[in-house]
Amino acid sequence: MSARRWRGTGWYVSPNSATEVMAMIARVSTHSTNHRFAWRGLASADFTLSSSLHRHLADEGRVVTEDSLLEREEQILREARRWGLGVEGGQFVDDLQLLADLQHFRVPTRLIDVTSNPMTALWFATAALSHDESGLARSGLLIAINMSWYRREATSESQPQTVFRTVGAPGQPLDKMRRQGLDLDTPFIVSSSLPNPRLRAQEGYFLASSHPARGELMASLKIDVPPPPAEPLVETLNRERGRGYPMNLPFVAIMISPQFKAKLRRYLKQTYSRTERNLFPDFTGFYDHGAWR
């Protein structure tokens, strides 16, 4: 069970109430002004952090490697351009922008949706899932990945930039930034220069990387899970700031008990306007969530 493995990392907290969930999000968010967290909500703590293309290949029975990912990615991009997609204002958009648009319309890509707003990620983490075989509802998971920590740990002065806008310089190859990102030893951030209404509403962007040589929980990202902290993470996060604080914080996994999900959804709706209509302000969102049936 992935939930057990998330706990096994030591980089997790299990709040005891909906109020504690909100307090822990605030603790993580204010841990340090030098940290930039990419937030991701999973409806089940038994899920791994994997891209839709990774899952698609696995469902086909393929062995997921960088070669198999790249082969399918090239095919998708090639066929999408043959279809006439990837043109804005009479100009071809680069590969990263096209992948971002394809991801929006459920074509599998290696991009992983994240957000800068933890309340948006919490909305996804509190989604209700069908009960598992034991008859028990599933816990959700809210993940905060500290992109600043991973860049500092794994890069050198010669490492290229790790934040890519999806529109490159005129005349450069359409695949230049995608391939530059895949050459990195860490995940890279894809920030759309042409954000659609859903990305704006969700304050969203993307993480991607070449396929890791090994990875279980962070299955699609080149992210090493460091050894557990010396003391329980919840104690560190609850401690008042002092000299030498804060500690290194690569990521935090916040367990969301199924019994808290409905109450948290009410908080998100009443205080933060996190609703289907506000998060999915487009035709696809209306199809999926609108009361038209």
C-alpha atoms as a PDB file:
ATOM      1  CA  MET A   1       0.000   0.000   0.000  1.00  0.00           C
ATOM      2  CA  SER A   2       1.394   3.381  -1.036  1.00  0.00           C
ATOM      3  CA  ALA A   3      -0.050   5.073   2.062  1.00  0.00           C
ATOM      4  CA  ARG A   4       2.209   2.940   4.220  1.00  0.00           C
ATOM      5  CA  ARG A   5       5.198   3.810   2.031  1.00  0.00           C
ATOM      6  CA  TRP A   6       4.443   7.544   2.242  1.00  0.00           C
ATOM      7  CA  ARG A   7       4.468   7.205   6.030  1.00  0.00           C
ATOM      8  CA  GLY A   8       7.666   5.204   5.832  1.00  0.00           C
ATOM      9  CA  THR A   9       9.551   8.146   4.366  1.00  0.00           C
ATOM     10  CA  GLY A  10       9.217  10.094   7.622  1.00  0.00           C
ATOM     11  CA  TRP A  11       8.314  13.229   5.635  1.00  0.00           C
ATOM     12  CA  TYR A  12       4.628  13.113   6.481  1.00  0.00           C
ATOM     13  CA  VAL A  13       2.130  14.380   9.021  1.00  0.00           C
ATOM     14  CA  SER A  14      -1.284  12.968   9.984  1.00  0.00           C
ATOM     15  CA  PRO A  15      -3.506  15.737  11.365  1.00  0.00           C
ATOM     16  CA  ASN A  16      -6.131  14.684  13.889  1.00  0.00           C
ATOM     17  CA  SER A  17      -8.893  17.005  12.705  1.00  0.00           C
ATOM     18  CA  ALA A  18      -9.957  19.176   9.783  1.00  0.00           C
ATOM     19  CA  THR A  19      -8.781  22.209  11.756  1.00  0.00           C
ATOM     20  CA  GLU A  20      -5.338  20.642  12.199  1.00  0.00           C
ATOM     21  CA  VAL A  21      -5.160  20.025   8.444  1.00  0.00           C
ATOM     22  CA  MET A  22      -5.622  23.742   7.790  1.00  0.00           C
ATOM     23  CA  ALA A  23      -3.094  24.628  10.505  1.00  0.00           C
ATOM     24  CA  MET A  24      -0.503  22.233   9.089  1.00  0.00           C
ATOM     25  CA  ILE A  25      -0.893  23.728   5.603  1.00  0.00           C
ATOM     26  CA  ALA A  26      -0.178  27.137   7.120  1.00  0.00           C
ATOM     27  CA  ARG A  27       2.887  25.755   8.937  1.00  0.00           C
ATOM     28  CA  VAL A  28       4.327  24.303   5.751  1.00  0.00           C
ATOM     29  CA  SER A  29       3.514  27.395   3.676  1.00  0.00           C
ATOM     30  CA  THR A  30       5.306  29.711   6.106  1.00  0.00           C
ATOM     31  CA  HIS A  31       8.215  27.399   6.882  1.00  0.00           C
ATOM     32  CA  SER A  32      10.681  29.628   5.051  1.00  0.00           C
ATOM     33  CA  THR A  33      10.559  32.547   2.627  1.00  0.00           C
ATOM     34  CA  ASN A  34      13.245  30.721   0.591  1.00  0.00           C
ATOM     35  CA  HIS A  35      10.992  27.776  -0.172  1.00  0.00           C
ATOM     36  CA  ARG A  36       8.773  27.405  -3.213  1.00  0.00           C
ATOM     37  CA  PHE A  37       6.262  24.620  -2.848  1.00  0.00           C
ATOM     38  CA  ALA A  38       4.514  22.848  -5.691  1.00  0.00           C
ATOM     39  CA  TRP A  39       1.247  21.506  -4.254  1.00  0.00           C
ATOM     40  CA  ARG A  40      -0.533  18.406  -5.521  1.00  0.00           C
ATOM     41  CA  GLY A  41      -3.655  16.744  -4.142  1.00  0.00           C
ATOM     42  CA  LEU A  42      -4.330  13.015  -4.524  1.00  0.00           C
ATOM     43  CA  ALA A  43      -7.773  11.634  -3.724  1.00  0.00           C
ATOM     44  CA  SER A  44      -6.148   8.496  -2.324  1.00  0.00           C
ATOM     45  CA  ALA A  45      -2.960   8.128  -0.319  1.00  0.00           C
ATOM     46  CA  ASP A  46      -2.537   4.796  -2.099  1.00  0.00           C
ATOM     47  CA  PHE A  47      -1.714   6.628  -5.327  1.00  0.00           C
ATOM     48  CA  THR A  48       1.833   7.379  -6.422  1.00  0.00           C
ATOM     49  CA  LEU A  49       2.925  10.659  -7.970  1.00  0.00           C
ATOM     50  CA  SER A  50       2.956   9.599 -11.614  1.00  0.00           C
ATOM     51  CA  SER A  51       2.176  11.287 -14.911  1.00  0.00           C
ATOM     52  CA  SER A  52      -0.832  10.389 -17.059  1.00  0.00           C
ATOM     53  CA  LEU A  53       1.531   9.132 -19.793  1.00  0.00           C
ATOM     54  CA  HIS A  54       3.311   6.888 -17.284  1.00  0.00           C
ATOM     55  CA  ARG A  55      -0.021   5.404 -16.179  1.00  0.00           C
ATOM     56  CA  HIS A  56      -1.215   5.069 -19.781  1.00  0.00           C
ATOM     57  CA  LEU A  57       1.830   3.043 -20.811  1.00  0.00           C
ATOM     58  CA  ALA A  58       1.588   0.884 -17.692  1.00  0.00           C
ATOM     59  CA  ASP A  59      -2.083   0.169 -18.435  1.00  0.00           C
ATOM     60  CA  GLU A  60      -1.030  -1.002 -21.897  1.00  0.00           C
ATOM     61  CA  GLY A  61       1.351  -3.461 -20.275  1.00  0.00           C
ATOM     62  CA  ARG A  62       4.423  -1.544 -21.443  1.00  0.00           C
ATOM     63  CA  VAL A  63       7.587  -1.305 -19.387  1.00  0.00           C
ATOM     64  CA  VAL A  64       7.829   2.389 -18.496  1.00  0.00           C
ATOM     65  CA  THR A  65      11.286   3.730 -19.352  1.00  0.00           C
ATOM     66  CA  GLU A  66      12.530   7.041 -20.682  1.00  0.00           C
ATOM     67  CA  ASP A  67      12.772   5.470 -24.142  1.00  0.00           C
ATOM     68  CA  SER A  68       9.150   4.277 -24.111  1.00  0.00           C
ATOM     69  CA  LEU A  69       7.936   7.613 -22.738  1.00  0.00           C
ATOM     70  CA  LEU A  70       9.893   9.570 -25.317  1.00  0.00           C
ATOM     71  CA  GLU A  71       8.720   7.350 -28.171  1.00  0.00           C
ATOM     72  CA  ARG A  72       5.029   7.859 -27.275  1.00  0.00           C
ATOM     73  CA  GLU A  73       5.532  11.548 -26.519  1.00  0.00           C
ATOM     74  CA  GLU A  74       7.072  12.117 -29.953  1.00  0.00           C
ATOM     75  CA  GLN A  75       4.194  10.231 -31.558  1.00  0.00           C
ATOM     76  CA  ILE A  76       1.582  12.311 -29.695  1.00  0.00           C
ATOM     77  CA  LEU A  77       3.266  15.603 -30.605  1.00  0.00           C
ATOM     78  CA  ARG A  78       3.678  14.577 -34.230  1.00  0.00           C
ATOM     79  CA  GLU A  79       0.067  13.475 -34.614  1.00  0.00           C
ATOM     80  CA  ALA A  80      -1.260  16.543 -32.771  1.00  0.00           C
ATOM     81  CA  ARG A  81       0.555  18.844 -35.192  1.00  0.00           C
ATOM     82  CA  ARG A  82      -0.717  16.818 -38.166  1.00  0.00           C
ATOM     83  CA  TRP A  83      -4.211  17.343 -36.721  1.00  0.00           C
ATOM     84  CA  GLY A  84      -3.621  21.090 -36.932  1.00  0.00           C
ATOM     85  CA  LEU A  85      -3.112  21.696 -33.224  1.00  0.00           C
ATOM     86  CA  GLY A  86      -0.365  23.800 -31.672  1.00  0.00           C
ATOM     87  CA  VAL A  87      -0.949  27.054 -33.549  1.00  0.00           C
ATOM     88  CA  GLU A  88      -1.578  30.379 -31.809  1.00  0.00           C
ATOM     89  CA  GLY A  89      -1.790  33.700 -33.620  1.00  0.00           C
ATOM     90  CA  GLY A  90      -0.594  32.126 -36.839  1.00  0.00           C
ATOM     91  CA  GLN A  91       2.591  30.781 -35.184  1.00  0.00           C
ATOM     92  CA  PHE A  92       3.486  27.279 -34.043  1.00  0.00           C
ATOM     93  CA  VAL A  93       3.752  26.979 -30.265  1.00  0.00           C
ATOM     94  CA  ASP A  94       6.650  25.003 -28.864  1.00  0.00           C
ATOM     95  CA  ASP A  95       6.412  21.426 -27.617  1.00  0.00           C
ATOM     96  CA  LEU A  96       5.944  22.348 -23.953  1.00  0.00           C
ATOM     97  CA  GLN A  97       2.989  24.620 -24.695  1.00  0.00           C
ATOM     98  CA  LEU A  98       1.408  21.969 -26.909  1.00  0.00           C
ATOM     99  CA  LEU A  99       1.879  19.339 -24.190  1.00  0.00           C
ATOM    100  CA  ALA A 100       0.300  21.688 -21.642  1.00  0.00           C
ATOM    101  CA  ASP A 101      -2.741  22.161 -23.905  1.00  0.00           C
ATOM    102  CA  LEU A 102      -3.002  18.429 -24.613  1.00  0.00           C
ATOM    103  CA  GLN A 103      -2.846  17.675 -20.894  1.00  0.00           C
ATOM    104  CA  HIS A 104      -5.797  20.014 -20.383  1.00  0.00           C
ATOM    105  CA  PHE A 105      -7.890  17.940 -22.780  1.00  0.00           C
ATOM    106  CA  ARG A 106      -6.897  14.573 -21.229  1.00  0.00           C
ATOM    107  CA  VAL A 107      -4.311  13.472 -23.756  1.00  0.00           C
ATOM    108  CA  PRO A 108      -1.666  11.639 -21.697  1.00  0.00           C
ATOM    109  CA  THR A 109       1.610  13.557 -21.247  1.00  0.00           C
ATOM    110  CA  ARG A 110       4.599  13.417 -18.919  1.00  0.00           C
ATOM    111  CA  LEU A 111       3.534  16.736 -17.342  1.00  0.00           C
ATOM    112  CA  ILE A 112       2.246  16.593 -13.769  1.00  0.00           C
ATOM    113  CA  ASP A 113      -0.306  19.236 -12.760  1.00  0.00           C
ATOM    114  CA  VAL A 114       0.585  21.189  -9.630  1.00  0.00           C
ATOM    115  CA  THR A 115      -0.537  24.488  -8.162  1.00  0.00           C
ATOM    116  CA  SER A 116       0.895  27.325  -6.146  1.00  0.00           C
ATOM    117  CA  ASN A 117      -2.338  27.443  -4.117  1.00  0.00           C
ATOM    118  CA  PRO A 118      -2.593  24.742  -1.418  1.00  0.00           C
ATOM    119  CA  MET A 119      -6.364  25.254  -1.178  1.00  0.00           C
ATOM    120  CA  THR A 120      -6.743  24.152  -4.786  1.00  0.00           C
ATOM    121  CA  ALA A 121      -4.609  21.061  -4.150  1.00  0.00           C
ATOM    122  CA  LEU A 122      -6.611  20.329  -0.989  1.00  0.00           C
ATOM    123  CA  TRP A 123      -9.812  20.355  -3.044  1.00  0.00           C
ATOM    124  CA  PHE A 124      -8.443  17.475  -5.119  1.00  0.00           C
ATOM    125  CA  ALA A 125      -7.147  15.662  -2.028  1.00  0.00           C
ATOM    126  CA  THR A 126     -10.616  15.742  -0.466  1.00  0.00           C
ATOM    127  CA  ALA A 127     -12.360  14.157  -3.453  1.00  0.00           C
ATOM    128  CA  ALA A 128     -14.537  11.219  -2.462  1.00  0.00           C
ATOM    129  CA  LEU A 129     -13.526   7.853  -3.901  1.00  0.00           C
ATOM    130  CA  SER A 130     -15.406   4.595  -3.979  1.00  0.00           C
ATOM    131  CA  HIS A 131     -14.672   2.367  -1.029  1.00  0.00           C
ATOM    132  CA  ASP A 132     -11.864  -0.132  -1.267  1.00  0.00           C
ATOM    133  CA  GLU A 133     -12.280  -3.903  -0.915  1.00  0.00           C
ATOM    134  CA  SER A 134     -12.335  -3.648   2.862  1.00  0.00           C
ATOM    135  CA  GLY A 135     -15.358  -1.350   2.732  1.00  0.00           C
ATOM    136  CA  LEU A 136     -13.372   1.564   4.140  1.00  0.00           C
ATOM    137  CA  ALA A 137     -13.191   4.985   2.508  1.00  0.00           C
ATOM    138  CA  ARG A 138      -9.752   6.076   1.366  1.00  0.00           C
ATOM    139  CA  SER A 139      -7.535   8.734   2.924  1.00  0.00           C
ATOM    140  CA  GLY A 140      -6.445  11.567   0.646  1.00  0.00           C
ATOM    141  CA  LEU A 141      -2.954  12.984   0.353  1.00  0.00           C
ATOM    142  CA  LEU A 142      -1.771  16.565   0.032  1.00  0.00           C
ATOM    143  CA  ILE A 143       1.829  16.823  -1.199  1.00  0.00           C
ATOM    144  CA  ALA A 144       4.033  19.904  -0.994  1.00  0.00           C
ATOM    145  CA  ILE A 145       7.261  19.525  -3.018  1.00  0.00           C
ATOM    146  CA  ASN A 146       9.939  22.057  -2.172  1.00  0.00           C
ATOM    147  CA  MET A 147      11.326  22.841  -5.620  1.00  0.00           C
ATOM    148  CA  SER A 148      13.909  25.257  -4.192  1.00  0.00           C
ATOM    149  CA  TRP A 149      15.361  22.508  -1.979  1.00  0.00           C
ATOM    150  CA  TYR A 150      15.710  20.021  -4.830  1.00  0.00           C
ATOM    151  CA  ARG A 151      17.333  22.534  -7.150  1.00  0.00           C
ATOM    152  CA  ARG A 152      19.843  23.497  -4.447  1.00  0.00           C
ATOM    153  CA  GLU A 153      20.672  19.903  -3.558  1.00  0.00           C
ATOM    154  CA  ALA A 154      21.117  18.513  -7.054  1.00  0.00           C
ATOM    155  CA  THR A 155      22.419  21.363  -9.192  1.00  0.00           C
ATOM    156  CA  SER A 156      25.733  23.075  -9.777  1.00  0.00           C
ATOM    157  CA  GLU A 157      26.800  26.412 -11.231  1.00  0.00           C
ATOM    158  CA  SER A 158      26.752  24.844 -14.698  1.00  0.00           C
ATOM    159  CA  GLN A 159      23.191  23.532 -14.348  1.00  0.00           C
ATOM    160  CA  PRO A 160      20.786  25.207 -16.793  1.00  0.00           C
ATOM    161  CA  GLN A 161      17.701  27.075 -15.670  1.00  0.00           C
ATOM    162  CA  THR A 162      14.921  24.897 -14.303  1.00  0.00           C
ATOM    163  CA  VAL A 163      11.888  27.114 -14.955  1.00  0.00           C
ATOM    164  CA  PHE A 164      10.649  27.164 -18.529  1.00  0.00           C
ATOM    165  CA  ARG A 165       8.042  29.399 -20.057  1.00  0.00           C
ATOM    166  CA  THR A 166       6.355  27.581 -22.880  1.00  0.00           C
ATOM    167  CA  VAL A 167       7.043  30.078 -25.649  1.00  0.00           C
ATOM    168  CA  GLY A 168      10.645  30.181 -26.760  1.00  0.00           C
ATOM    169  CA  ALA A 169      12.573  32.688 -28.807  1.00  0.00           C
ATOM    170  CA  PRO A 170      11.378  33.140 -32.432  1.00  0.00           C
ATOM    171  CA  GLY A 171      13.088  30.768 -34.826  1.00  0.00           C
ATOM    172  CA  GLN A 172      14.335  28.289 -32.247  1.00  0.00           C
ATOM    173  CA  PRO A 173      13.400  24.591 -32.688  1.00  0.00           C
ATOM    174  CA  LEU A 174      10.018  23.739 -31.222  1.00  0.00           C
ATOM    175  CA  ASP A 175      11.542  20.946 -29.131  1.00  0.00           C
ATOM    176  CA  LYS A 176      14.502  22.942 -27.782  1.00  0.00           C
ATOM    177  CA  MET A 177      13.203  23.714 -24.281  1.00  0.00           C
ATOM    178  CA  ARG A 178      11.585  20.304 -23.871  1.00  0.00           C
ATOM    179  CA  ARG A 179      14.867  18.549 -24.601  1.00  0.00           C
ATOM    180  CA  GLN A 180      16.818  21.013 -22.459  1.00  0.00           C
ATOM    181  CA  GLY A 181      14.518  20.216 -19.545  1.00  0.00           C
ATOM    182  CA  LEU A 182      14.844  16.470 -20.043  1.00  0.00           C
ATOM    183  CA  ASP A 183      18.630  16.789 -19.819  1.00  0.00           C
ATOM    184  CA  LEU A 184      18.381  18.101 -16.244  1.00  0.00           C
ATOM    185  CA  ASP A 185      19.084  15.971 -13.178  1.00  0.00           C
ATOM    186  CA  THR A 186      16.043  17.424 -11.383  1.00  0.00           C
ATOM    187  CA  PRO A 187      12.424  18.091 -12.286  1.00  0.00           C
ATOM    188  CA  PHE A 188      11.792  21.270 -14.211  1.00  0.00           C
ATOM    189  CA  ILE A 189       8.882  23.666 -13.954  1.00  0.00           C
ATOM    190  CA  VAL A 190       6.730  24.355 -16.993  1.00  0.00           C
ATOM    191  CA  SER A 191       4.921  27.675 -16.705  1.00  0.00           C
ATOM    192  CA  SER A 192       2.491  28.304 -19.545  1.00  0.00           C
ATOM    193  CA  SER A 193       2.848  31.590 -21.389  1.00  0.00           C
ATOM    194  CA  LEU A 194      -0.656  31.071 -22.781  1.00  0.00           C
ATOM    195  CA  PRO A 195      -2.603  29.906 -19.715  1.00  0.00           C
ATOM    196  CA  ASN A 196      -6.141  28.768 -20.383  1.00  0.00           C
ATOM    197  CA  PRO A 197      -9.012  29.712 -18.040  1.00  0.00           C
ATOM    198  CA  ARG A 198      -8.628  26.517 -16.010  1.00  0.00           C
ATOM    199  CA  LEU A 199      -4.913  27.045 -15.379  1.00  0.00           C
ATOM    200  CA  ARG A 200      -5.589  30.620 -14.283  1.00  0.00           C
ATOM    201  CA  ALA A 201      -8.445  29.567 -12.010  1.00  0.00           C
ATOM    202  CA  GLN A 202      -6.384  26.812 -10.397  1.00  0.00           C
ATOM    203  CA  GLU A 203      -3.160  28.877 -10.294  1.00  0.00           C
ATOM    204  CA  GLY A 204      -1.644  25.881 -11.979  1.00  0.00           C
ATOM    205  CA  TYR A 205       1.605  24.957 -13.649  1.00  0.00           C
ATOM    206  CA  PHE A 206       3.431  21.705 -14.350  1.00  0.00           C
ATOM    207  CA  LEU A 207       6.387  19.612 -13.229  1.00  0.00           C
ATOM    208  CA  ALA A 208       8.214  17.206 -15.520  1.00  0.00           C
ATOM    209  CA  SER A 209      11.497  15.353 -15.849  1.00  0.00           C
ATOM    210  CA  SER A 210      13.059  12.486 -17.694  1.00  0.00           C
ATOM    211  CA  HIS A 211      12.030   9.156 -16.221  1.00  0.00           C
ATOM    212  CA  PRO A 212      13.890   8.330 -12.993  1.00  0.00           C
ATOM    213  CA  ALA A 213      16.092   5.242 -12.911  1.00  0.00           C
ATOM    214  CA  ARG A 214      14.207   4.194  -9.816  1.00  0.00           C
ATOM    215  CA  GLY A 215      11.214   5.645  -8.119  1.00  0.00           C
ATOM    216  CA  GLU A 216       8.215   4.290  -6.260  1.00  0.00           C
ATOM    217  CA  LEU A 217       6.301   7.141  -4.680  1.00  0.00           C
ATOM    218  CA  MET A 218       7.663   9.904  -6.926  1.00  0.00           C
ATOM    219  CA  ALA A 219       7.279   7.528  -9.844  1.00  0.00           C
ATOM    220  CA  SER A 220       7.555  10.033 -12.697  1.00  0.00           C
ATOM    221  CA  LEU A 221       9.925  12.634 -11.286  1.00  0.00           C
ATOM    222  CA  LYS A 222      13.679  12.611 -10.726  1.00  0.00           C
ATOM    223  CA  ILE A 223      13.311  13.248  -7.021  1.00  0.00           C
ATOM    224  CA  ASP A 224      15.297  11.336  -4.445  1.00  0.00           C
ATOM    225  CA  VAL A 225      13.512  10.810  -1.144  1.00  0.00           C
ATOM    226  CA  PRO A 226      16.071  11.682   1.553  1.00  0.00           C
ATOM    227  CA  PRO A 227      16.426   9.766   4.830  1.00  0.00           C
ATOM    228  CA  PRO A 228      13.764  10.498   7.471  1.00  0.00           C
ATOM    229  CA  PRO A 229      14.284  13.561   9.671  1.00  0.00           C
ATOM    230  CA  ALA A 230      15.891  13.060  13.067  1.00  0.00           C
ATOM    231  CA  GLU A 231      12.654  13.872  14.887  1.00  0.00           C
ATOM    232  CA  PRO A 232       8.986  13.497  13.891  1.00  0.00           C
ATOM    233  CA  LEU A 233       8.228  16.058  11.219  1.00  0.00           C
ATOM    234  CA  VAL A 234       5.130  17.324  12.989  1.00  0.00           C
ATOM    235  CA  GLU A 235       7.261  18.387  15.978  1.00  0.00           C
ATOM    236  CA  THR A 236       9.622  20.345  13.749  1.00  0.00           C
ATOM    237  CA  LEU A 237       6.812  22.104  11.929  1.00  0.00           C
ATOM    238  CA  ASN A 238       5.070  23.039  15.186  1.00  0.00           C
ATOM    239  CA  ARG A 239       8.226  24.414  16.814  1.00  0.00           C
ATOM    240  CA  GLU A 240       8.597  28.169  17.105  1.00  0.00           C
ATOM    241  CA  ARG A 241      11.224  29.690  14.865  1.00  0.00           C
ATOM    242  CA  GLY A 242      14.645  30.203  16.335  1.00  0.00           C
ATOM    243  CA  ARG A 243      18.259  30.595  15.315  1.00  0.00           C
ATOM    244  CA  GLY A 244      19.149  28.015  12.687  1.00  0.00           C
ATOM    245  CA  TYR A 245      15.481  27.336  11.922  1.00  0.00           C
ATOM    246  CA  PRO A 246      14.049  26.226   9.536  1.00  0.00           C
ATOM    247  CA  MET A 247      15.428  22.778   8.819  1.00  0.00           C
ATOM    248  CA  ASN A 248      15.787  21.347   5.335  1.00  0.00           C
ATOM    249  CA  LEU A 249      12.383  20.376   4.030  1.00  0.00           C
ATOM    250  CA  PRO A 250      12.363  18.442   0.736  1.00  0.00           C
ATOM    251  CA  PHE A 251       8.657  17.643   0.749  1.00  0.00           C
ATOM    252  CA  VAL A 252       5.722  17.118   3.070  1.00  0.00           C
ATOM    253  CA  ALA A 253       2.921  14.572   2.630  1.00  0.00           C
ATOM    254  CA  ILE A 254      -0.175  15.539   4.630  1.00  0.00           C
ATOM    255  CA  MET A 255      -2.546  12.632   5.210  1.00  0.00           C
ATOM    256  CA  ILE A 256      -6.223  13.573   4.875  1.00  0.00           C
ATOM    257  CA  SER A 257      -8.433  11.189   6.840  1.00  0.00           C
ATOM    258  CA  PRO A 258     -11.633  10.272   4.950  1.00  0.00           C
ATOM    259  CA  GLN A 259     -13.695  11.422   7.933  1.00  0.00           C
ATOM    260  CA  PHE A 260     -12.392  14.979   7.436  1.00  0.00           C
ATOM    261  CA  LYS A 261     -13.032  15.251   3.704  1.00  0.00           C
ATOM    262  CA  ALA A 262     -16.623  16.523   3.773  1.00  0.00           C
ATOM    263  CA  LYS A 263     -15.871  19.144   6.431  1.00  0.00           C
ATOM    264  CA  LEU A 264     -12.792  20.367   4.571  1.00  0.00           C
ATOM    265  CA  ARG A 265     -14.843  20.626   1.373  1.00  0.00           C
ATOM    266  CA  ARG A 266     -17.247  22.941   3.235  1.00  0.00           C
ATOM    267  CA  TYR A 267     -14.323  25.093   4.413  1.00  0.00           C
ATOM    268  CA  LEU A 268     -12.992  25.271   0.866  1.00  0.00           C
ATOM    269  CA  LYS A 269     -16.346  26.266  -0.586  1.00  0.00           C
ATOM    270  CA  GLN A 270     -17.404  28.794   2.028  1.00  0.00           C
ATOM    271  CA  THR A 271     -14.074  30.506   2.705  1.00  0.00           C
ATOM    272  CA  TYR A 272     -11.922  29.923  -0.374  1.00  0.00           C
ATOM    273  CA  SER A 273     -14.530  29.637  -3.185  1.00  0.00           C
ATOM    274  CA  ARG A 274     -13.081  26.277  -4.206  1.00  0.00           C
ATOM    275  CA  THR A 275     -16.010  24.849  -6.192  1.00  0.00           C
ATOM    276  CA  GLU A 276     -16.338  22.953  -9.471  1.00  0.00           C
ATOM    277  CA  ARG A 277     -17.625  26.038 -11.260  1.00  0.00           C
ATOM    278  CA  ASN A 278     -14.718  28.200 -10.110  1.00  0.00           C
ATOM    279  CA  LEU A 279     -12.009  25.577 -10.649  1.00  0.00           C
ATOM    280  CA  PHE A 280     -13.226  24.329 -14.033  1.00  0.00           C
ATOM    281  CA  PRO A 281     -14.533  27.447 -15.852  1.00  0.00           C
ATOM    282  CA  ASP A 282     -14.628  25.909 -19.331  1.00  0.00           C
ATOM    283  CA  PHE A 283     -16.748  23.657 -21.540  1.00  0.00           C
ATOM    284  CA  THR A 284     -14.992  20.489 -20.387  1.00  0.00           C
ATOM    285  CA  GLY A 285     -15.556  21.487 -16.769  1.00  0.00           C
ATOM    286  CA  PHE A 286     -19.240  22.069 -17.461  1.00  0.00           C
ATOM    287  CA  TYR A 287     -19.492  18.666 -19.121  1.00  0.00           C
ATOM    288  CA  ASP A 288     -17.805  16.947 -16.182  1.00  0.00           C
ATOM    289  CA  HIS A 289     -19.362  18.859 -13.280  1.00  0.00           C
ATOM    290  CA  GLY A 290     -22.335  20.914 -14.528  1.00  0.00           C
ATOM    291  CA  ALA A 291     -25.917  20.047 -13.617  1.00  0.00           C
ATOM    292  CA  TRP A 292     -26.973  19.643 -17.253  1.00  0.00           C
ATOM    293  CA  ARG A 293     -27.943  15.965 -17.182  1.00  0.00           C
END
